[in-house]
Protein backbone atom coordinates (compact mmCIF):
# COMPACT_ATOMS: atom_id res chain seq x y z
CA UNK A 1 79.52 -20.01 6.34
CA UNK A 2 81.71 -19.50 9.99
CA UNK A 3 79.60 -18.83 13.68
CA UNK A 4 82.31 -19.25 15.87
CA UNK A 5 85.18 -17.01 17.25
CA UNK A 6 87.87 -18.88 14.76
CA UNK A 7 86.48 -18.19 11.47
CA UNK A 8 88.20 -15.45 9.38
CA UNK A 9 87.32 -14.27 6.20
CA UNK A 10 90.63 -13.95 4.06
CA UNK A 11 91.50 -11.79 1.03
CA UNK A 12 89.70 -14.00 -1.74
CA UNK A 13 86.51 -13.73 0.23
CA UNK A 14 86.49 -10.34 0.07
CA UNK A 15 89.01 -8.98 -2.22
CA UNK A 16 90.42 -5.96 -1.88
CA UNK A 17 89.34 -5.50 1.60
CA UNK A 18 92.16 -7.84 4.02
CA UNK A 19 91.25 -9.62 6.88
CA UNK A 20 88.23 -8.38 8.91
CA UNK A 21 90.40 -7.40 12.36
CA UNK A 22 90.04 -9.86 15.26
CA UNK A 23 92.69 -9.09 17.48
CA UNK A 24 92.47 -5.19 17.23
CA UNK A 25 94.27 -3.42 19.80
CA UNK A 26 90.26 -2.73 20.97
CA UNK A 27 89.68 -6.33 21.67
CA UNK A 28 93.45 -6.60 23.33
CA UNK A 29 92.01 -3.94 26.72
CA UNK A 30 91.29 -5.23 29.61
CA UNK A 31 88.61 -2.08 30.18
CA UNK A 32 87.85 -0.69 26.98
CA UNK A 33 86.21 3.35 26.73
CA UNK A 34 83.07 4.01 25.31
CA UNK A 35 85.26 5.73 22.59
CA UNK A 36 87.10 2.25 22.09
CA UNK A 37 83.67 0.73 22.29
CA UNK A 38 82.34 3.11 18.85
CA UNK A 39 84.91 2.99 17.46
CA UNK A 40 85.35 -1.24 17.42
CA UNK A 41 81.65 -0.83 16.19
CA UNK A 42 82.61 1.74 13.76
CA UNK A 43 85.44 -0.59 12.22
CA UNK A 44 83.03 -3.62 12.31
CA UNK A 45 79.99 -1.04 10.87
CA UNK A 46 81.72 -0.06 7.86
CA UNK A 47 83.24 -4.15 7.38
CA UNK A 48 80.09 -5.52 7.34
CA UNK A 49 78.62 -2.35 5.01
CA UNK A 50 81.39 -3.02 2.30
CA UNK A 51 80.41 -6.94 2.74
CA UNK A 52 76.35 -5.83 1.70
CA UNK A 53 78.08 -3.52 -0.98
CA UNK A 54 79.85 -6.58 -2.69
CA UNK A 55 76.89 -8.59 -2.11
CA UNK A 56 74.41 -5.91 -3.82
CA UNK A 57 76.73 -5.90 -6.36
CA UNK A 58 76.45 -9.54 -6.94
CA UNK A 59 72.98 -9.87 -7.55
CA UNK A 60 72.48 -7.04 -9.43
CA UNK A 61 75.18 -8.27 -12.00
CA UNK A 62 72.97 -11.73 -11.44
CA UNK A 63 69.83 -10.23 -12.14
CA UNK A 64 71.44 -8.56 -15.54
CA UNK A 65 72.90 -11.85 -16.77
CA UNK A 66 69.20 -13.45 -15.58
CA UNK A 67 67.25 -10.46 -17.36
CA UNK A 68 69.19 -11.47 -20.86
CA UNK A 69 68.90 -14.98 -20.35
CA UNK A 70 65.01 -14.17 -20.01
CA UNK A 71 64.71 -12.33 -22.84
CA UNK A 72 66.79 -14.56 -24.80
CA UNK A 73 64.67 -17.60 -24.08
CA UNK A 74 61.73 -15.44 -25.11
CA UNK A 75 62.59 -14.86 -28.52
CA UNK A 76 63.98 -18.82 -28.85
CA UNK A 77 60.37 -19.50 -27.36
CA UNK A 78 58.76 -17.32 -30.36
CA UNK A 79 61.38 -18.72 -32.90
CA UNK A 80 60.28 -21.86 -31.82
CA UNK A 81 56.75 -21.35 -32.01
CA UNK A 82 56.98 -19.55 -35.44
CA UNK A 83 59.02 -22.87 -36.94
CA UNK A 84 56.73 -25.06 -35.12
CA UNK A 85 53.89 -23.56 -37.47
CA UNK A 86 55.45 -23.40 -40.67
CA UNK A 87 56.66 -27.29 -40.24
CA UNK A 88 52.41 -28.32 -39.14
CA UNK A 89 52.15 -26.18 -42.54
CA UNK A 90 54.54 -27.53 -44.67
CA UNK A 91 53.71 -30.68 -43.44
CA UNK A 92 50.12 -30.29 -44.53
CA UNK A 93 50.88 -29.10 -48.04
CA UNK A 94 53.24 -32.24 -48.22
CA UNK A 95 50.48 -34.23 -47.60
CA UNK A 96 48.08 -32.63 -50.28
CA UNK A 97 50.36 -33.00 -53.06
CA UNK A 98 51.45 -36.31 -51.92
CA UNK A 99 47.13 -37.11 -52.51
CA UNK A 100 47.60 -35.10 -55.54
CA UNK A 101 49.90 -37.24 -56.75
CA UNK A 102 48.27 -39.63 -55.51
CA UNK A 103 45.46 -39.98 -57.66
CA UNK A 104 47.36 -39.30 -60.94
CA UNK A 105 49.42 -42.47 -60.05
CA UNK A 106 46.37 -43.96 -60.37
CA UNK A 107 44.81 -42.65 -63.03
CA UNK A 108 45.74 -44.24 -66.42
CA UNK A 109 43.76 -41.08 -68.84
CA UNK A 110 44.09 -37.60 -69.74
CA UNK A 111 41.56 -35.67 -71.60
CA UNK A 112 43.74 -32.93 -74.16
CA UNK A 113 41.28 -30.60 -75.54
CA UNK A 114 41.26 -27.80 -78.30
CA UNK A 115 43.33 -30.05 -80.34
CA UNK A 116 41.97 -29.57 -84.11
CA UNK A 117 40.75 -32.78 -85.47
CA UNK A 118 43.47 -32.89 -88.27
CA UNK A 119 45.82 -32.50 -85.20
CA UNK A 120 45.24 -35.30 -83.63
CA UNK A 121 48.21 -37.40 -83.89
CA UNK A 122 50.78 -39.85 -82.25
CA UNK A 123 53.58 -37.61 -82.74
CA UNK A 124 51.53 -34.12 -81.88
CA UNK A 125 49.97 -35.53 -78.89
CA UNK A 126 53.38 -37.13 -77.91
CA UNK A 127 54.67 -33.43 -78.49
CA UNK A 128 51.91 -31.77 -76.62
CA UNK A 129 53.27 -34.53 -73.84
CA UNK A 130 56.73 -33.47 -74.21
CA UNK A 131 56.23 -30.11 -73.40
CA UNK A 132 54.17 -31.16 -70.37
CA UNK A 133 57.70 -32.81 -68.73
CA UNK A 134 55.97 -36.26 -69.08
CA UNK A 135 58.52 -38.91 -69.66
CA UNK A 136 56.59 -40.98 -72.61
CA UNK A 137 57.28 -41.93 -75.54
CA UNK A 138 54.96 -43.12 -78.25
CA UNK A 139 54.77 -46.38 -77.32
CA UNK A 140 53.33 -45.64 -73.97
CA UNK A 141 49.84 -44.29 -74.50
CA UNK A 142 47.16 -44.91 -76.84
CA UNK A 143 44.69 -41.90 -77.96
CA UNK A 144 41.19 -41.95 -78.61
CA UNK A 145 38.74 -39.20 -80.28
CA UNK A 146 35.95 -38.31 -78.12
CA UNK A 147 32.44 -38.08 -79.74
CA UNK A 148 31.55 -34.05 -79.60
CA UNK A 149 29.26 -31.89 -81.65
CA UNK A 150 32.13 -29.28 -81.26
CA UNK A 151 34.99 -29.14 -84.94
CA UNK A 152 38.16 -29.78 -81.70
CA UNK A 153 37.28 -32.40 -80.39
CA UNK A 154 38.74 -34.13 -77.00
CA UNK A 155 41.46 -36.46 -77.37
CA UNK A 156 41.73 -39.10 -74.70
CA UNK A 157 45.23 -40.27 -74.15
CA UNK A 158 45.07 -43.53 -71.92
CA UNK A 159 48.47 -44.42 -70.42
CA UNK A 160 49.60 -48.32 -69.96
CA UNK A 161 52.01 -47.34 -67.50
CA UNK A 162 51.13 -43.90 -66.22
CA UNK A 163 53.75 -43.96 -62.96
CA UNK A 164 56.34 -44.00 -66.06
CA UNK A 165 54.95 -41.37 -67.46
CA UNK A 166 54.33 -38.60 -64.37
CA UNK A 167 57.62 -40.07 -62.32
CA UNK A 168 57.97 -42.30 -59.32
CA UNK A 169 55.73 -40.84 -56.49
CA UNK A 170 57.27 -41.54 -52.96
CA UNK A 171 54.10 -42.75 -50.92
């Protein structure tokens, strides 16, 4: 900002307006009349008015851009909160699944119900286990028919290596 009288306003500062008149014919008059002073004041006032309008236009553009950025920022904050909530929920679900898988890993037994006593063979139990997508062979388990009053007795399937049958579980 210029304070002294040598400061000039260039075309780049006020595009389309030219320089402010510093050495106009009014200033060169030795005894200006009231009309000369009035014209000089109007000239300077017009320049000031154009400058204020120019600054006002710039401020309006800045405000519009700022408002758009605020709106976008608000949307991004909301989206970020939604994502954080979903991630937290998914982490909780993963932890629950991990606990379930760990309990399967620690468990060496499986009880099968509703097989007719005459159908309880290693081959038939293997077929059921394979239908359940377990990675087993006949050598990976033992079976035992549990006592029951029902004609369909529960079958205990005891796995030698449950982690092999149920897959590798990451902890």
